[in-house]
Amino acid sequence: LDTESNPKIKFEIVVSSESWEKLTIDAVRKAAYT
């Protein structure tokens, strides 16, 4: 069965600075990576 749409989870995070942005993006990428 071919399915075009896939179920995903969306996170929305608000951070106060560019240093938090980088830290958050790095953490998410590492945790979500397969």
PDB file of all heavy atoms in Angstrom:
ATOM      1  N   LEU A   1       0.859  -1.177   0.000  1.00  0.00           N
ATOM      2  CA  LEU A   1       0.000   0.000   0.000  1.00  0.00           C
ATOM      3  C   LEU A   1       0.897   1.230   0.000  1.00  0.00           C
ATOM      4  O   LEU A   1       1.710   1.410   0.904  1.00  0.00           O
ATOM      5  CB  LEU A   1      -0.906   0.009   1.245  1.00  0.00           C
ATOM      6  CG  LEU A   1      -1.789   1.228   1.450  1.00  0.00           C
ATOM      7  CD1 LEU A   1      -2.844   1.315   0.343  1.00  0.00           C
ATOM      8  CD2 LEU A   1      -2.459   1.178   2.798  1.00  0.00           C
ATOM      9  N   ASP A   2       0.795   2.036  -1.048  1.00  0.00           N
ATOM     10  CA  ASP A   2       1.577   3.265  -1.108  1.00  0.00           C
ATOM     11  C   ASP A   2       0.828   4.365  -0.370  1.00  0.00           C
ATOM     12  O   ASP A   2      -0.343   4.609  -0.634  1.00  0.00           O
ATOM     13  CB  ASP A   2       1.804   3.700  -2.566  1.00  0.00           C
ATOM     14  CG  ASP A   2       2.753   2.778  -3.291  1.00  0.00           C
ATOM     15  OD1 ASP A   2       3.673   2.261  -2.630  1.00  0.00           O
ATOM     16  OD2 ASP A   2       2.587   2.570  -4.504  1.00  0.00           O
ATOM     17  N   THR A   3       1.506   5.020   0.543  1.00  0.00           N
ATOM     18  CA  THR A   3       0.919   6.141   1.262  1.00  0.00           C
ATOM     19  C   THR A   3       1.776   7.368   1.014  1.00  0.00           C
ATOM     20  O   THR A   3       2.985   7.327   1.180  1.00  0.00           O
ATOM     21  CB  THR A   3       0.838   5.866   2.773  1.00  0.00           C
ATOM     22  OG1 THR A   3       2.136   5.533   3.251  1.00  0.00           O
ATOM     23  CG2 THR A   3      -0.123   4.745   3.084  1.00  0.00           C
ATOM     24  N   GLU A   4       1.147   8.436   0.576  1.00  0.00           N
ATOM     25  CA  GLU A   4       1.899   9.654   0.282  1.00  0.00           C
ATOM     26  C   GLU A   4       2.137  10.475   1.547  1.00  0.00           C
ATOM     27  O   GLU A   4       3.192  11.050   1.725  1.00  0.00           O
ATOM     28  CB  GLU A   4       1.177  10.488  -0.772  1.00  0.00           C
ATOM     29  CG  GLU A   4       2.026  11.636  -1.250  1.00  0.00           C
ATOM     30  CD  GLU A   4       1.511  12.253  -2.520  1.00  0.00           C
ATOM     31  OE1 GLU A   4       1.689  11.661  -3.581  1.00  0.00           O
ATOM     32  OE2 GLU A   4       0.935  13.349  -2.418  1.00  0.00           O
ATOM     33  N   SER A   5       1.164  10.524   2.433  1.00  0.00           N
ATOM     34  CA  SER A   5       1.303  11.311   3.652  1.00  0.00           C
ATOM     35  C   SER A   5       1.710  10.407   4.807  1.00  0.00           C
ATOM     36  O   SER A   5       1.176   9.313   4.967  1.00  0.00           O
ATOM     37  CB  SER A   5      -0.012  12.002   3.993  1.00  0.00           C
ATOM     38  OG  SER A   5      -0.330  12.931   2.980  1.00  0.00           O
ATOM     39  N   ASN A   6       2.653  10.873   5.592  1.00  0.00           N
ATOM     40  CA  ASN A   6       3.163  10.100   6.711  1.00  0.00           C
ATOM     41  C   ASN A   6       2.854  10.793   8.025  1.00  0.00           C
ATOM     42  O   ASN A   6       2.950  12.018   8.122  1.00  0.00           O
ATOM     43  CB  ASN A   6       4.686   9.948   6.594  1.00  0.00           C
ATOM     44  CG  ASN A   6       5.084   9.183   5.372  1.00  0.00           C
ATOM     45  OD1 ASN A   6       4.550   8.122   5.102  1.00  0.00           O
ATOM     46  ND2 ASN A   6       6.033   9.718   4.619  1.00  0.00           N
ATOM     47  N   PRO A   7       2.528  10.027   9.061  1.00  0.00           N
ATOM     48  CA  PRO A   7       2.328  10.636  10.374  1.00  0.00           C
ATOM     49  C   PRO A   7       3.662  11.080  10.953  1.00  0.00           C
ATOM     50  O   PRO A   7       4.664  10.366  10.864  1.00  0.00           O
ATOM     51  CB  PRO A   7       1.705   9.510  11.197  1.00  0.00           C
ATOM     52  CG  PRO A   7       2.122   8.253  10.518  1.00  0.00           C
ATOM     53  CD  PRO A   7       2.289   8.586   9.072  1.00  0.00           C
ATOM     54  N   LYS A   8       3.680  12.269  11.528  1.00  0.00           N
ATOM     55  CA  LYS A   8       4.874  12.840  12.149  1.00  0.00           C
ATOM     56  C   LYS A   8       4.467  13.538  13.440  1.00  0.00           C
ATOM     57  O   LYS A   8       3.282  13.723  13.712  1.00  0.00           O
ATOM     58  CB  LYS A   8       5.539  13.876  11.227  1.00  0.00           C
ATOM     59  CG  LYS A   8       5.982  13.361   9.877  1.00  0.00           C
ATOM     60  CD  LYS A   8       7.237  12.553   9.982  1.00  0.00           C
ATOM     61  CE  LYS A   8       7.696  12.159   8.578  1.00  0.00           C
ATOM     62  NZ  LYS A   8       8.960  11.487   8.605  1.00  0.00           N
ATOM     63  N   ILE A   9       5.454  13.946  14.208  1.00  0.00           N
ATOM     64  CA  ILE A   9       5.228  14.756  15.398  1.00  0.00           C
ATOM     65  C   ILE A   9       5.902  16.102  15.167  1.00  0.00           C
ATOM     66  O   ILE A   9       7.049  16.154  14.708  1.00  0.00           O
ATOM     67  CB  ILE A   9       5.808  14.095  16.667  1.00  0.00           C
ATOM     68  CG1 ILE A   9       5.195  12.720  16.903  1.00  0.00           C
ATOM     69  CG2 ILE A   9       5.619  15.010  17.882  1.00  0.00           C
ATOM     70  CD1 ILE A   9       3.709  12.726  17.193  1.00  0.00           C
ATOM     71  N   LYS A  10       5.198  17.176  15.475  1.00  0.00           N
ATOM     72  CA  LYS A  10       5.753  18.519  15.324  1.00  0.00           C
ATOM     73  C   LYS A  10       5.967  19.132  16.703  1.00  0.00           C
ATOM     74  O   LYS A  10       5.058  19.145  17.529  1.00  0.00           O
ATOM     75  CB  LYS A  10       4.813  19.403  14.504  1.00  0.00           C
ATOM     76  CG  LYS A  10       5.363  20.794  14.264  1.00  0.00           C
ATOM     77  CD  LYS A  10       4.411  21.585  13.370  1.00  0.00           C
ATOM     78  CE  LYS A  10       4.951  22.963  13.078  1.00  0.00           C
ATOM     79  NZ  LYS A  10       4.028  23.719  12.211  1.00  0.00           N
ATOM     80  N   PHE A  11       7.174  19.603  16.927  1.00  0.00           N
ATOM     81  CA  PHE A  11       7.520  20.326  18.147  1.00  0.00           C
ATOM     82  C   PHE A  11       7.629  21.804  17.809  1.00  0.00           C
ATOM     83  O   PHE A  11       8.216  22.154  16.787  1.00  0.00           O
ATOM     84  CB  PHE A  11       8.878  19.871  18.690  1.00  0.00           C
ATOM     85  CG  PHE A  11       8.874  18.519  19.327  1.00  0.00           C
ATOM     86  CD1 PHE A  11       8.989  17.373  18.570  1.00  0.00           C
ATOM     87  CD2 PHE A  11       8.771  18.395  20.706  1.00  0.00           C
ATOM     88  CE1 PHE A  11       9.006  16.120  19.152  1.00  0.00           C
ATOM     89  CE2 PHE A  11       8.787  17.154  21.299  1.00  0.00           C
ATOM     90  CZ  PHE A  11       8.898  16.004  20.523  1.00  0.00           C
ATOM     91  N   GLU A  12       7.096  22.649  18.665  1.00  0.00           N
ATOM     92  CA  GLU A  12       7.291  24.092  18.578  1.00  0.00           C
ATOM     93  C   GLU A  12       7.946  24.538  19.876  1.00  0.00           C
ATOM     94  O   GLU A  12       7.418  24.281  20.961  1.00  0.00           O
ATOM     95  CB  GLU A  12       5.969  24.826  18.367  1.00  0.00           C
ATOM     96  CG  GLU A  12       5.338  24.530  17.027  1.00  0.00           C
ATOM     97  CD  GLU A  12       4.060  25.315  16.784  1.00  0.00           C
ATOM     98  OE1 GLU A  12       3.580  26.004  17.723  1.00  0.00           O
ATOM     99  OE2 GLU A  12       3.545  25.248  15.675  1.00  0.00           O
ATOM    100  N   ILE A  13       9.105  25.168  19.747  1.00  0.00           N
ATOM    101  CA  ILE A  13       9.892  25.577  20.895  1.00  0.00           C
ATOM    102  C   ILE A  13      10.260  27.042  20.707  1.00  0.00           C
ATOM    103  O   ILE A  13      10.690  27.433  19.625  1.00  0.00           O
ATOM    104  CB  ILE A  13      11.186  24.746  21.000  1.00  0.00           C
ATOM    105  CG1 ILE A  13      10.886  23.240  20.929  1.00  0.00           C
ATOM    106  CG2 ILE A  13      11.960  25.088  22.263  1.00  0.00           C
ATOM    107  CD1 ILE A  13      11.601  22.527  19.837  1.00  0.00           C
ATOM    108  N   VAL A  14      10.113  27.861  21.740  1.00  0.00           N
ATOM    109  CA  VAL A  14      10.533  29.256  21.679  1.00  0.00           C
ATOM    110  C   VAL A  14      11.706  29.433  22.637  1.00  0.00           C
ATOM    111  O   VAL A  14      11.625  29.043  23.806  1.00  0.00           O
ATOM    112  CB  VAL A  14       9.382  30.217  22.041  1.00  0.00           C
ATOM    113  CG1 VAL A  14       9.868  31.661  22.035  1.00  0.00           C
ATOM    114  CG2 VAL A  14       8.229  30.040  21.060  1.00  0.00           C
ATOM    115  N   VAL A  15      12.796  29.987  22.109  1.00  0.00           N
ATOM    116  CA  VAL A  15      13.997  30.211  22.907  1.00  0.00           C
ATOM    117  C   VAL A  15      14.357  31.694  22.886  1.00  0.00           C
ATOM    118  O   VAL A  15      13.901  32.442  22.019  1.00  0.00           O
ATOM    119  CB  VAL A  15      15.181  29.346  22.419  1.00  0.00           C
ATOM    120  CG1 VAL A  15      14.870  27.867  22.607  1.00  0.00           C
ATOM    121  CG2 VAL A  15      15.526  29.635  20.973  1.00  0.00           C
ATOM    122  N   SER A  16      15.200  32.085  23.828  1.00  0.00           N
ATOM    123  CA  SER A  16      15.459  33.506  24.033  1.00  0.00           C
ATOM    124  C   SER A  16      16.647  34.060  23.260  1.00  0.00           C
ATOM    125  O   SER A  16      16.788  35.279  23.175  1.00  0.00           O
ATOM    126  CB  SER A  16      15.681  33.766  25.525  1.00  0.00           C
ATOM    127  OG  SER A  16      16.768  32.989  25.994  1.00  0.00           O
ATOM    128  N   SER A  17      17.502  33.207  22.694  1.00  0.00           N
ATOM    129  CA  SER A  17      18.716  33.728  22.068  1.00  0.00           C
ATOM    130  C   SER A  17      19.235  32.783  20.975  1.00  0.00           C
ATOM    131  O   SER A  17      18.810  31.634  20.882  1.00  0.00           O
ATOM    132  CB  SER A  17      19.815  33.908  23.117  1.00  0.00           C
ATOM    133  OG  SER A  17      20.222  32.641  23.614  1.00  0.00           O
ATOM    134  N   GLU A  18      20.190  33.287  20.202  1.00  0.00           N
ATOM    135  CA  GLU A  18      20.799  32.468  19.154  1.00  0.00           C
ATOM    136  C   GLU A  18      21.603  31.316  19.738  1.00  0.00           C
ATOM    137  O   GLU A  18      21.674  30.240  19.136  1.00  0.00           O
ATOM    138  CB  GLU A  18      21.674  33.332  18.248  1.00  0.00           C
ATOM    139  CG  GLU A  18      20.862  34.259  17.365  1.00  0.00           C
ATOM    140  CD  GLU A  18      21.719  35.130  16.465  1.00  0.00           C
ATOM    141  OE1 GLU A  18      22.961  34.984  16.459  1.00  0.00           O
ATOM    142  OE2 GLU A  18      21.139  35.969  15.752  1.00  0.00           O
ATOM    143  N   SER A  19      22.196  31.495  20.906  1.00  0.00           N
ATOM    144  CA  SER A  19      22.936  30.387  21.517  1.00  0.00           C
ATOM    145  C   SER A  19      21.983  29.263  21.925  1.00  0.00           C
ATOM    146  O   SER A  19      22.288  28.080  21.738  1.00  0.00           O
ATOM    147  CB  SER A  19      23.774  30.866  22.704  1.00  0.00           C
ATOM    148  OG  SER A  19      22.965  31.438  23.704  1.00  0.00           O
ATOM    149  N   TRP A  20      20.797  29.619  22.441  1.00  0.00           N
ATOM    150  CA  TRP A  20      19.785  28.607  22.754  1.00  0.00           C
ATOM    151  C   TRP A  20      19.238  27.970  21.476  1.00  0.00           C
ATOM    152  O   TRP A  20      18.921  26.777  21.460  1.00  0.00           O
ATOM    153  CB  TRP A  20      18.650  29.212  23.581  1.00  0.00           C
ATOM    154  CG  TRP A  20      18.933  29.170  25.043  1.00  0.00           C
ATOM    155  CD1 TRP A  20      19.333  30.208  25.827  1.00  0.00           C
ATOM    156  CD2 TRP A  20      18.859  28.032  25.891  1.00  0.00           C
ATOM    157  NE1 TRP A  20      19.513  29.773  27.109  1.00  0.00           N
ATOM    158  CE2 TRP A  20      19.229  28.443  27.184  1.00  0.00           C
ATOM    159  CE3 TRP A  20      18.529  26.703  25.684  1.00  0.00           C
ATOM    160  CZ2 TRP A  20      19.270  27.572  28.270  1.00  0.00           C
ATOM    161  CZ3 TRP A  20      18.563  25.834  26.771  1.00  0.00           C
ATOM    162  CH2 TRP A  20      18.928  26.264  28.031  1.00  0.00           C
ATOM    163  N   GLU A  21      19.115  28.756  20.430  1.00  0.00           N
ATOM    164  CA  GLU A  21      18.652  28.218  19.146  1.00  0.00           C
ATOM    165  C   GLU A  21      19.596  27.113  18.682  1.00  0.00           C
ATOM    166  O   GLU A  21      19.168  26.019  18.326  1.00  0.00           O
ATOM    167  CB  GLU A  21      18.586  29.337  18.107  1.00  0.00           C
ATOM    168  CG  GLU A  21      18.246  28.853  16.705  1.00  0.00           C
ATOM    169  CD  GLU A  21      18.400  29.949  15.659  1.00  0.00           C
ATOM    170  OE1 GLU A  21      19.188  30.898  15.872  1.00  0.00           O
ATOM    171  OE2 GLU A  21      17.731  29.843  14.623  1.00  0.00           O
ATOM    172  N   LYS A  22      20.891  27.387  18.681  1.00  0.00           N
ATOM    173  CA  LYS A  22      21.870  26.396  18.231  1.00  0.00           C
ATOM    174  C   LYS A  22      21.846  25.160  19.124  1.00  0.00           C
ATOM    175  O   LYS A  22      21.828  24.024  18.628  1.00  0.00           O
ATOM    176  CB  LYS A  22      23.273  27.000  18.210  1.00  0.00           C
ATOM    177  CG  LYS A  22      24.333  26.017  17.746  1.00  0.00           C
ATOM    178  CD  LYS A  22      25.696  26.631  17.650  1.00  0.00           C
ATOM    179  CE  LYS A  22      26.791  25.685  17.235  1.00  0.00           C
ATOM    180  NZ  LYS A  22      26.494  24.313  16.958  1.00  0.00           N
ATOM    181  N   LEU A  23      21.824  25.356  20.436  1.00  0.00           N
ATOM    182  CA  LEU A  23      21.790  24.246  21.383  1.00  0.00           C
ATOM    183  C   LEU A  23      20.556  23.375  21.158  1.00  0.00           C
ATOM    184  O   LEU A  23      20.638  22.133  21.138  1.00  0.00           O
ATOM    185  CB  LEU A  23      21.813  24.789  22.814  1.00  0.00           C
ATOM    186  CG  LEU A  23      21.852  23.778  23.947  1.00  0.00           C
ATOM    187  CD1 LEU A  23      23.159  22.999  23.928  1.00  0.00           C
ATOM    188  CD2 LEU A  23      21.680  24.493  25.279  1.00  0.00           C
ATOM    189  N   THR A  24      19.406  24.019  20.951  1.00  0.00           N
ATOM    190  CA  THR A  24      18.149  23.303  20.756  1.00  0.00           C
ATOM    191  C   THR A  24      18.151  22.539  19.440  1.00  0.00           C
ATOM    192  O   THR A  24      17.779  21.357  19.388  1.00  0.00           O
ATOM    193  CB  THR A  24      16.961  24.281  20.815  1.00  0.00           C
ATOM    194  OG1 THR A  24      16.995  24.965  22.070  1.00  0.00           O
ATOM    195  CG2 THR A  24      15.634  23.565  20.653  1.00  0.00           C
ATOM    196  N   ILE A  25      18.553  23.182  18.371  1.00  0.00           N
ATOM    197  CA  ILE A  25      18.589  22.519  17.063  1.00  0.00           C
ATOM    198  C   ILE A  25      19.536  21.328  17.091  1.00  0.00           C
ATOM    199  O   ILE A  25      19.212  20.245  16.578  1.00  0.00           O
ATOM    200  CB  ILE A  25      18.959  23.520  15.951  1.00  0.00           C
ATOM    201  CG1 ILE A  25      17.780  24.476  15.718  1.00  0.00           C
ATOM    202  CG2 ILE A  25      19.355  22.805  14.663  1.00  0.00           C
ATOM    203  CD1 ILE A  25      18.081  25.630  14.779  1.00  0.00           C
ATOM    204  N   ASP A  26      20.699  21.490  17.699  1.00  0.00           N
ATOM    205  CA  ASP A  26      21.651  20.382  17.790  1.00  0.00           C
ATOM    206  C   ASP A  26      21.070  19.207  18.576  1.00  0.00           C
ATOM    207  O   ASP A  26      21.223  18.046  18.191  1.00  0.00           O
ATOM    208  CB  ASP A  26      22.957  20.847  18.432  1.00  0.00           C
ATOM    209  CG  ASP A  26      23.775  21.753  17.538  1.00  0.00           C
ATOM    210  OD1 ASP A  26      23.483  21.850  16.321  1.00  0.00           O
ATOM    211  OD2 ASP A  26      24.719  22.395  18.061  1.00  0.00           O
ATOM    212  N   ALA A  27      20.382  19.503  19.682  1.00  0.00           N
ATOM    213  CA  ALA A  27      19.789  18.449  20.501  1.00  0.00           C
ATOM    214  C   ALA A  27      18.686  17.706  19.747  1.00  0.00           C
ATOM    215  O   ALA A  27      18.612  16.473  19.787  1.00  0.00           O
ATOM    216  CB  ALA A  27      19.238  19.038  21.801  1.00  0.00           C
ATOM    217  N   VAL A  28      17.824  18.461  19.055  1.00  0.00           N
ATOM    218  CA  VAL A  28      16.735  17.840  18.292  1.00  0.00           C
ATOM    219  C   VAL A  28      17.303  16.980  17.171  1.00  0.00           C
ATOM    220  O   VAL A  28      16.886  15.831  16.977  1.00  0.00           O
ATOM    221  CB  VAL A  28      15.764  18.900  17.730  1.00  0.00           C
ATOM    222  CG1 VAL A  28      14.787  18.281  16.742  1.00  0.00           C
ATOM    223  CG2 VAL A  28      15.014  19.596  18.860  1.00  0.00           C
ATOM    224  N   ARG A  29      18.258  17.510  16.433  1.00  0.00           N
ATOM    225  CA  ARG A  29      18.829  16.750  15.313  1.00  0.00           C
ATOM    226  C   ARG A  29      19.453  15.447  15.799  1.00  0.00           C
ATOM    227  O   ARG A  29      19.221  14.394  15.217  1.00  0.00           O
ATOM    228  CB  ARG A  29      19.864  17.565  14.558  1.00  0.00           C
ATOM    229  CG  ARG A  29      20.395  16.782  13.359  1.00  0.00           C
ATOM    230  CD  ARG A  29      21.354  17.592  12.509  1.00  0.00           C
ATOM    231  NE  ARG A  29      21.665  16.866  11.300  1.00  0.00           N
ATOM    232  CZ  ARG A  29      22.635  15.949  11.215  1.00  0.00           C
ATOM    233  NH1 ARG A  29      23.377  15.657  12.259  1.00  0.00           N
ATOM    234  NH2 ARG A  29      22.853  15.314  10.073  1.00  0.00           N
ATOM    235  N   LYS A  30      20.219  15.519  16.859  1.00  0.00           N
ATOM    236  CA  LYS A  30      20.864  14.318  17.388  1.00  0.00           C
ATOM    237  C   LYS A  30      19.823  13.284  17.836  1.00  0.00           C
ATOM    238  O   LYS A  30      19.942  12.096  17.554  1.00  0.00           O
ATOM    239  CB  LYS A  30      21.779  14.681  18.546  1.00  0.00           C
ATOM    240  CG  LYS A  30      22.534  13.520  19.114  1.00  0.00           C
ATOM    241  CD  LYS A  30      23.478  13.941  20.226  1.00  0.00           C
ATOM    242  CE  LYS A  30      24.180  12.730  20.818  1.00  0.00           C
ATOM    243  NZ  LYS A  30      25.032  13.071  21.949  1.00  0.00           N
ATOM    244  N   ALA A  31      18.777  13.742  18.517  1.00  0.00           N
ATOM    245  CA  ALA A  31      17.756  12.830  19.039  1.00  0.00           C
ATOM    246  C   ALA A  31      16.875  12.242  17.937  1.00  0.00           C
ATOM    247  O   ALA A  31      16.412  11.109  18.051  1.00  0.00           O
ATOM    248  CB  ALA A  31      16.890  13.553  20.060  1.00  0.00           C
ATOM    249  N   ALA A  32      16.632  13.002  16.868  1.00  0.00           N
ATOM    250  CA  ALA A  32      15.711  12.562  15.814  1.00  0.00           C
ATOM    251  C   ALA A  32      16.399  11.789  14.686  1.00  0.00           C
ATOM    252  O   ALA A  32      15.730  11.157  13.873  1.00  0.00           O
ATOM    253  CB  ALA A  32      14.986  13.773  15.226  1.00  0.00           C
ATOM    254  N   TYR A  33      17.710  11.796  14.649  1.00  0.00           N
ATOM    255  CA  TYR A  33      18.471  11.245  13.529  1.00  0.00           C
ATOM    256  C   TYR A  33      18.428   9.717  13.473  1.00  0.00           C
ATOM    257  O   TYR A  33      18.674   9.040  14.468  1.00  0.00           O
ATOM    258  CB  TYR A  33      19.931  11.692  13.628  1.00  0.00           C
ATOM    259  CG  TYR A  33      20.802  11.152  12.528  1.00  0.00           C
ATOM    260  CD1 TYR A  33      20.823  11.771  11.285  1.00  0.00           C
ATOM    261  CD2 TYR A  33      21.591  10.030  12.725  1.00  0.00           C
ATOM    262  CE1 TYR A  33      21.622  11.288  10.263  1.00  0.00           C
ATOM    263  CE2 TYR A  33      22.388   9.531  11.715  1.00  0.00           C
ATOM    264  CZ  TYR A  33      22.403  10.159  10.481  1.00  0.00           C
ATOM    265  OH  TYR A  33      23.186   9.666   9.477  1.00  0.00           O
ATOM    266  N   THR A  34      18.090   9.190  12.282  1.00  0.00           N
ATOM    267  CA  THR A  34      18.235   7.761  12.011  1.00  0.00           C
ATOM    268  C   THR A  34      19.147   7.536  10.808  1.00  0.00           C
ATOM    269  O   THR A  34      19.665   6.450  10.625  1.00  0.00           O
ATOM    270  CB  THR A  34      16.885   7.067  11.708  1.00  0.00           C
ATOM    271  OG1 THR A  34      16.382   7.525  10.448  1.00  0.00           O
ATOM    272  CG2 THR A  34      15.870   7.300  12.813  1.00  0.00           C
TER     273      THR A  34
END
